[in-house]
């Protein structure tokens, strides 16, 4: 998929664990893990907003478009 999730990089920048983010945004660790690994098929704007608030970042810092990546089958 051409959409790239950069949650791992942002967590590293903020020196925050996935568990800590999960507690701050009240989202299960399993769902955040799915998002982090790029396996999520969708994300709610409310979830994106909560993550951005916790990480003090903009949505564009978490999600990017890379047209060189092969399409998902």
PDB file of N, CA and C in Angstrom:
ATOM      1  N   UNK A   1       0.839  -1.175   0.000  1.00  0.00           N
ATOM      2  CA  UNK A   1       0.000   0.000   0.000  1.00  0.00           C
ATOM      3  C   UNK A   1       0.886   1.241   0.000  1.00  0.00           C
ATOM      4  N   UNK A   2       0.464   2.249  -0.682  1.00  0.00           N
ATOM      5  CA  UNK A   2       1.254   3.469  -0.816  1.00  0.00           C
ATOM      6  C   UNK A   2       1.160   4.384   0.404  1.00  0.00           C
ATOM      7  N   UNK A   3       0.256   4.076   1.331  1.00  0.00           N
ATOM      8  CA  UNK A   3       0.146   4.863   2.554  1.00  0.00           C
ATOM      9  C   UNK A   3       1.107   4.272   3.585  1.00  0.00           C
ATOM     10  N   UNK A   4       1.947   5.132   4.156  1.00  0.00           N
ATOM     11  CA  UNK A   4       2.962   4.713   5.116  1.00  0.00           C
ATOM     12  C   UNK A   4       2.614   5.319   6.475  1.00  0.00           C
ATOM     13  N   UNK A   5       2.627   4.491   7.511  1.00  0.00           N
ATOM     14  CA  UNK A   5       2.368   4.950   8.870  1.00  0.00           C
ATOM     15  C   UNK A   5       3.706   5.125   9.579  1.00  0.00           C
ATOM     16  N   UNK A   6       3.927   6.301  10.117  1.00  0.00           N
ATOM     17  CA  UNK A   6       5.203   6.618  10.765  1.00  0.00           C
ATOM     18  C   UNK A   6       5.063   6.731  12.286  1.00  0.00           C
ATOM     19  N   UNK A   7       4.177   5.948  12.846  1.00  0.00           N
ATOM     20  CA  UNK A   7       3.938   5.997  14.286  1.00  0.00           C
ATOM     21  C   UNK A   7       5.175   5.569  15.067  1.00  0.00           C
ATOM     22  N   UNK A   8       5.858   4.551  14.604  1.00  0.00           N
ATOM     23  CA  UNK A   8       7.052   4.056  15.298  1.00  0.00           C
ATOM     24  C   UNK A   8       8.121   5.142  15.410  1.00  0.00           C
ATOM     25  N   UNK A   9       8.349   5.871  14.324  1.00  0.00           N
ATOM     26  CA  UNK A   9       9.352   6.930  14.340  1.00  0.00           C
ATOM     27  C   UNK A   9       8.971   8.041  15.307  1.00  0.00           C
ATOM     28  N   UNK A  10       7.683   8.400  15.315  1.00  0.00           N
ATOM     29  CA  UNK A  10       7.221   9.478  16.192  1.00  0.00           C
ATOM     30  C   UNK A  10       7.307   9.050  17.653  1.00  0.00           C
ATOM     31  N   UNK A  11       6.982   7.791  17.949  1.00  0.00           N
ATOM     32  CA  UNK A  11       7.118   7.287  19.317  1.00  0.00           C
ATOM     33  C   UNK A  11       8.580   7.344  19.756  1.00  0.00           C
ATOM     34  N   UNK A  12       9.474   6.961  18.873  1.00  0.00           N
ATOM     35  CA  UNK A  12      10.906   6.997  19.184  1.00  0.00           C
ATOM     36  C   UNK A  12      11.362   8.433  19.464  1.00  0.00           C
ATOM     37  N   UNK A  13      10.926   9.373  18.628  1.00  0.00           N
ATOM     38  CA  UNK A  13      11.263  10.786  18.824  1.00  0.00           C
ATOM     39  C   UNK A  13      10.806  11.284  20.188  1.00  0.00           C
ATOM     40  N   UNK A  14       9.618  10.855  20.587  1.00  0.00           N
ATOM     41  CA  UNK A  14       9.027  11.330  21.840  1.00  0.00           C
ATOM     42  C   UNK A  14       9.450  10.489  23.044  1.00  0.00           C
ATOM     43  N   UNK A  15      10.268   9.454  22.776  1.00  0.00           N
ATOM     44  CA  UNK A  15      10.711   8.536  23.821  1.00  0.00           C
ATOM     45  C   UNK A  15       9.517   7.992  24.612  1.00  0.00           C
ATOM     46  N   UNK A  16       8.558   7.492  23.843  1.00  0.00           N
ATOM     47  CA  UNK A  16       7.329   6.966  24.415  1.00  0.00           C
ATOM     48  C   UNK A  16       7.118   5.544  23.903  1.00  0.00           C
ATOM     49  N   UNK A  17       6.626   4.689  24.763  1.00  0.00           N
ATOM     50  CA  UNK A  17       6.341   3.318  24.353  1.00  0.00           C
ATOM     51  C   UNK A  17       4.923   3.238  23.793  1.00  0.00           C
ATOM     52  N   UNK A  18       4.670   2.173  23.068  1.00  0.00           N
ATOM     53  CA  UNK A  18       3.335   1.936  22.536  1.00  0.00           C
ATOM     54  C   UNK A  18       2.347   1.741  23.686  1.00  0.00           C
ATOM     55  N   UNK A  19       2.802   1.107  24.752  1.00  0.00           N
ATOM     56  CA  UNK A  19       1.955   0.900  25.931  1.00  0.00           C
ATOM     57  C   UNK A  19       1.565   2.231  26.554  1.00  0.00           C
ATOM     58  N   UNK A  20       2.514   3.137  26.679  1.00  0.00           N
ATOM     59  CA  UNK A  20       2.233   4.456  27.249  1.00  0.00           C
ATOM     60  C   UNK A  20       1.248   5.225  26.366  1.00  0.00           C
ATOM     61  N   UNK A  21       1.442   5.166  25.060  1.00  0.00           N
ATOM     62  CA  UNK A  21       0.515   5.837  24.147  1.00  0.00           C
ATOM     63  C   UNK A  21      -0.873   5.223  24.272  1.00  0.00           C
ATOM     64  N   UNK A  22      -0.940   3.926  24.364  1.00  0.00           N
ATOM     65  CA  UNK A  22      -2.215   3.232  24.512  1.00  0.00           C
ATOM     66  C   UNK A  22      -2.973   3.732  25.739  1.00  0.00           C
ATOM     67  N   UNK A  23      -2.270   3.892  26.841  1.00  0.00           N
ATOM     68  CA  UNK A  23      -2.892   4.387  28.071  1.00  0.00           C
ATOM     69  C   UNK A  23      -3.337   5.840  27.928  1.00  0.00           C
ATOM     70  N   UNK A  24      -2.533   6.653  27.268  1.00  0.00           N
ATOM     71  CA  UNK A  24      -2.860   8.081  27.121  1.00  0.00           C
ATOM     72  C   UNK A  24      -4.073   8.326  26.229  1.00  0.00           C
ATOM     73  N   UNK A  25      -4.213   7.524  25.180  1.00  0.00           N
ATOM     74  CA  UNK A  25      -5.301   7.760  24.225  1.00  0.00           C
ATOM     75  C   UNK A  25      -6.468   6.799  24.405  1.00  0.00           C
ATOM     76  N   UNK A  26      -6.343   5.885  25.367  1.00  0.00           N
ATOM     77  CA  UNK A  26      -7.404   4.925  25.673  1.00  0.00           C
ATOM     78  C   UNK A  26      -7.789   4.086  24.450  1.00  0.00           C
ATOM     79  N   UNK A  27      -6.761   3.560  23.792  1.00  0.00           N
ATOM     80  CA  UNK A  27      -6.925   2.655  22.650  1.00  0.00           C
ATOM     81  C   UNK A  27      -6.159   1.387  22.999  1.00  0.00           C
ATOM     82  N   UNK A  28      -6.712   0.243  22.641  1.00  0.00           N
ATOM     83  CA  UNK A  28      -6.047  -1.003  23.005  1.00  0.00           C
ATOM     84  C   UNK A  28      -4.667  -1.094  22.370  1.00  0.00           C
ATOM     85  N   UNK A  29      -3.805  -1.770  23.074  1.00  0.00           N
ATOM     86  CA  UNK A  29      -2.451  -1.990  22.578  1.00  0.00           C
ATOM     87  C   UNK A  29      -2.489  -2.758  21.261  1.00  0.00           C
ATOM     88  N   UNK A  30      -3.406  -3.711  21.165  1.00  0.00           N
ATOM     89  CA  UNK A  30      -3.529  -4.501  19.934  1.00  0.00           C
ATOM     90  C   UNK A  30      -3.888  -3.613  18.742  1.00  0.00           C
ATOM     91  N   UNK A  31      -4.837  -2.693  18.916  1.00  0.00           N
ATOM     92  CA  UNK A  31      -5.225  -1.814  17.811  1.00  0.00           C
ATOM     93  C   UNK A  31      -4.115  -0.852  17.432  1.00  0.00           C
ATOM     94  N   UNK A  32      -3.388  -0.340  18.409  1.00  0.00           N
ATOM     95  CA  UNK A  32      -2.253   0.537  18.092  1.00  0.00           C
ATOM     96  C   UNK A  32      -1.155  -0.240  17.377  1.00  0.00           C
ATOM     97  N   UNK A  33      -0.958  -1.473  17.765  1.00  0.00           N
ATOM     98  CA  UNK A  33       0.051  -2.309  17.122  1.00  0.00           C
ATOM     99  C   UNK A  33      -0.302  -2.554  15.658  1.00  0.00           C
ATOM    100  N   UNK A  34      -1.567  -2.809  15.386  1.00  0.00           N
ATOM    101  CA  UNK A  34      -2.025  -2.998  14.008  1.00  0.00           C
ATOM    102  C   UNK A  34      -1.767  -1.735  13.192  1.00  0.00           C
ATOM    103  N   UNK A  35      -2.042  -0.586  13.789  1.00  0.00           N
ATOM    104  CA  UNK A  35      -1.800   0.690  13.106  1.00  0.00           C
ATOM    105  C   UNK A  35      -0.299   0.888  12.880  1.00  0.00           C
ATOM    106  N   UNK A  36       0.495   0.648  13.909  1.00  0.00           N
ATOM    107  CA  UNK A  36       1.941   0.859  13.833  1.00  0.00           C
ATOM    108  C   UNK A  36       2.592   0.000  12.758  1.00  0.00           C
ATOM    109  N   UNK A  37       2.136  -1.231  12.605  1.00  0.00           N
ATOM    110  CA  UNK A  37       2.741  -2.132  11.626  1.00  0.00           C
ATOM    111  C   UNK A  37       2.222  -1.907  10.207  1.00  0.00           C
ATOM    112  N   UNK A  38       1.284  -0.982  10.047  1.00  0.00           N
ATOM    113  CA  UNK A  38       0.764  -0.689   8.721  1.00  0.00           C
ATOM    114  C   UNK A  38      -0.290  -1.665   8.242  1.00  0.00           C
ATOM    115  N   UNK A  39      -0.826  -2.478   9.139  1.00  0.00           N
ATOM    116  CA  UNK A  39      -1.821  -3.475   8.755  1.00  0.00           C
ATOM    117  C   UNK A  39      -3.255  -2.968   8.872  1.00  0.00           C
ATOM    118  N   UNK A  40      -3.426  -1.777   9.414  1.00  0.00           N
ATOM    119  CA  UNK A  40      -4.769  -1.214   9.570  1.00  0.00           C
ATOM    120  C   UNK A  40      -5.331  -0.832   8.205  1.00  0.00           C
ATOM    121  N   UNK A  41      -6.607  -1.053   8.013  1.00  0.00           N
ATOM    122  CA  UNK A  41      -7.269  -0.703   6.757  1.00  0.00           C
ATOM    123  C   UNK A  41      -7.902   0.687   6.829  1.00  0.00           C
ATOM    124  N   UNK A  42      -8.093   1.196   8.054  1.00  0.00           N
ATOM    125  CA  UNK A  42      -8.720   2.500   8.242  1.00  0.00           C
ATOM    126  C   UNK A  42      -8.344   3.038   9.616  1.00  0.00           C
ATOM    127  N   UNK A  43      -8.546   4.342   9.795  1.00  0.00           N
ATOM    128  CA  UNK A  43      -8.356   4.973  11.092  1.00  0.00           C
ATOM    129  C   UNK A  43      -9.425   6.045  11.250  1.00  0.00           C
ATOM    130  N   UNK A  44     -10.037   6.088  12.403  1.00  0.00           N
ATOM    131  CA  UNK A  44     -11.048   7.117  12.670  1.00  0.00           C
ATOM    132  C   UNK A  44     -10.350   8.444  12.927  1.00  0.00           C
ATOM    133  N   UNK A  45     -10.998   9.513  12.524  1.00  0.00           N
ATOM    134  CA  UNK A  45     -10.431  10.834  12.779  1.00  0.00           C
ATOM    135  C   UNK A  45     -10.298  11.084  14.277  1.00  0.00           C
ATOM    136  N   UNK A  46     -11.215  10.570  15.078  1.00  0.00           N
ATOM    137  CA  UNK A  46     -11.118  10.763  16.531  1.00  0.00           C
ATOM    138  C   UNK A  46      -9.885  10.052  17.090  1.00  0.00           C
ATOM    139  N   UNK A  47      -9.552   8.898  16.526  1.00  0.00           N
ATOM    140  CA  UNK A  47      -8.350   8.178  16.947  1.00  0.00           C
ATOM    141  C   UNK A  47      -7.105   8.938  16.522  1.00  0.00           C
ATOM    142  N   UNK A  48      -7.093   9.399  15.291  1.00  0.00           N
ATOM    143  CA  UNK A  48      -5.965  10.180  14.778  1.00  0.00           C
ATOM    144  C   UNK A  48      -5.773  11.446  15.609  1.00  0.00           C
ATOM    145  N   UNK A  49      -6.872  12.099  15.946  1.00  0.00           N
ATOM    146  CA  UNK A  49      -6.812  13.310  16.767  1.00  0.00           C
ATOM    147  C   UNK A  49      -6.217  13.010  18.142  1.00  0.00           C
ATOM    148  N   UNK A  50      -6.643  11.921  18.764  1.00  0.00           N
ATOM    149  CA  UNK A  50      -6.141  11.553  20.089  1.00  0.00           C
ATOM    150  C   UNK A  50      -4.646  11.236  20.046  1.00  0.00           C
ATOM    151  N   UNK A  51      -4.220  10.531  19.019  1.00  0.00           N
ATOM    152  CA  UNK A  51      -2.803  10.193  18.877  1.00  0.00           C
ATOM    153  C   UNK A  51      -1.978  11.459  18.648  1.00  0.00           C
ATOM    154  N   UNK A  52      -2.464  12.337  17.791  1.00  0.00           N
ATOM    155  CA  UNK A  52      -1.746  13.587  17.523  1.00  0.00           C
ATOM    156  C   UNK A  52      -1.643  14.442  18.786  1.00  0.00           C
ATOM    157  N   UNK A  53      -2.714  14.482  19.579  1.00  0.00           N
ATOM    158  CA  UNK A  53      -2.691  15.249  20.826  1.00  0.00           C
ATOM    159  C   UNK A  53      -1.664  14.670  21.798  1.00  0.00           C
ATOM    160  N   UNK A  54      -1.643  13.352  21.930  1.00  0.00           N
ATOM    161  CA  UNK A  54      -0.713  12.699  22.854  1.00  0.00           C
ATOM    162  C   UNK A  54       0.735  12.854  22.419  1.00  0.00           C
ATOM    163  N   UNK A  55       0.966  12.816  21.113  1.00  0.00           N
ATOM    164  CA  UNK A  55       2.335  12.915  20.587  1.00  0.00           C
ATOM    165  C   UNK A  55       2.726  14.342  20.213  1.00  0.00           C
ATOM    166  N   UNK A  56       1.775  15.273  20.372  1.00  0.00           N
ATOM    167  CA  UNK A  56       2.009  16.677  20.015  1.00  0.00           C
ATOM    168  C   UNK A  56       2.569  16.798  18.603  1.00  0.00           C
ATOM    169  N   UNK A  57       1.793  16.282  17.650  1.00  0.00           N
ATOM    170  CA  UNK A  57       2.233  16.313  16.260  1.00  0.00           C
ATOM    171  C   UNK A  57       1.038  16.549  15.339  1.00  0.00           C
ATOM    172  N   UNK A  58       1.313  16.708  14.078  1.00  0.00           N
ATOM    173  CA  UNK A  58       0.305  16.876  13.049  1.00  0.00           C
ATOM    174  C   UNK A  58       0.046  15.540  12.356  1.00  0.00           C
ATOM    175  N   UNK A  59      -1.147  15.333  11.794  1.00  0.00           N
ATOM    176  CA  UNK A  59      -1.440  14.071  11.104  1.00  0.00           C
ATOM    177  C   UNK A  59      -0.413  13.731  10.016  1.00  0.00           C
ATOM    178  N   UNK A  60       0.068  14.743   9.317  1.00  0.00           N
ATOM    179  CA  UNK A  60       1.049  14.522   8.258  1.00  0.00           C
ATOM    180  C   UNK A  60       2.382  13.985   8.753  1.00  0.00           C
ATOM    181  N   UNK A  61       2.631  14.104  10.053  1.00  0.00           N
ATOM    182  CA  UNK A  61       3.852  13.541  10.622  1.00  0.00           C
ATOM    183  C   UNK A  61       3.693  12.043  10.895  1.00  0.00           C
ATOM    184  N   UNK A  62       2.460  11.572  10.900  1.00  0.00           N
ATOM    185  CA  UNK A  62       2.173  10.163  11.170  1.00  0.00           C
ATOM    186  C   UNK A  62       1.834   9.369   9.919  1.00  0.00           C
ATOM    187  N   UNK A  63       1.281  10.052   8.924  1.00  0.00           N
ATOM    188  CA  UNK A  63       0.803   9.376   7.719  1.00  0.00           C
ATOM    189  C   UNK A  63       1.429  10.031   6.494  1.00  0.00           C
ATOM    190  N   UNK A  64       1.955   9.217   5.604  1.00  0.00           N
ATOM    191  CA  UNK A  64       2.566   9.742   4.383  1.00  0.00           C
ATOM    192  C   UNK A  64       2.136   8.887   3.192  1.00  0.00           C
ATOM    193  N   UNK A  65       2.273   9.447   2.016  1.00  0.00           N
ATOM    194  CA  UNK A  65       1.969   8.755   0.761  1.00  0.00           C
ATOM    195  C   UNK A  65       3.268   8.502   0.021  1.00  0.00           C
ATOM    196  N   UNK A  66       3.532   7.243  -0.307  1.00  0.00           N
ATOM    197  CA  UNK A  66       4.737   6.864  -1.037  1.00  0.00           C
ATOM    198  C   UNK A  66       4.320   6.102  -2.294  1.00  0.00           C
ATOM    199  N   UNK A  67       4.247   6.789  -3.441  1.00  0.00           N
ATOM    200  CA  UNK A  67       3.790   6.145  -4.671  1.00  0.00           C
ATOM    201  C   UNK A  67       4.728   5.060  -5.195  1.00  0.00           C
ATOM    202  N   UNK A  68       5.919   4.953  -4.647  1.00  0.00           N
ATOM    203  CA  UNK A  68       6.847   3.929  -5.112  1.00  0.00           C
ATOM    204  C   UNK A  68       6.582   2.564  -4.472  1.00  0.00           C
ATOM    205  N   UNK A  69       5.766   2.540  -3.431  1.00  0.00           N
ATOM    206  CA  UNK A  69       5.436   1.254  -2.786  1.00  0.00           C
ATOM    207  C   UNK A  69       4.440   0.493  -3.632  1.00  0.00           C
ATOM    208  N   UNK A  70       4.589  -0.817  -3.704  1.00  0.00           N
ATOM    209  CA  UNK A  70       3.670  -1.618  -4.528  1.00  0.00           C
ATOM    210  C   UNK A  70       2.255  -1.635  -3.937  1.00  0.00           C
ATOM    211  N   UNK A  71       1.240  -1.700  -4.789  1.00  0.00           N
ATOM    212  CA  UNK A  71      -0.144  -1.759  -4.299  1.00  0.00           C
ATOM    213  C   UNK A  71      -0.399  -3.062  -3.560  1.00  0.00           C
ATOM    214  N   UNK A  72      -1.324  -2.992  -2.624  1.00  0.00           N
ATOM    215  CA  UNK A  72      -1.690  -4.182  -1.853  1.00  0.00           C
ATOM    216  C   UNK A  72      -2.616  -5.052  -2.678  1.00  0.00           C
ATOM    217  N   UNK A  73      -2.439  -6.342  -2.577  1.00  0.00           N
ATOM    218  CA  UNK A  73      -3.297  -7.259  -3.342  1.00  0.00           C
ATOM    219  C   UNK A  73      -4.260  -7.962  -2.449  1.00  0.00           C
TER     220      UNK A  73
END
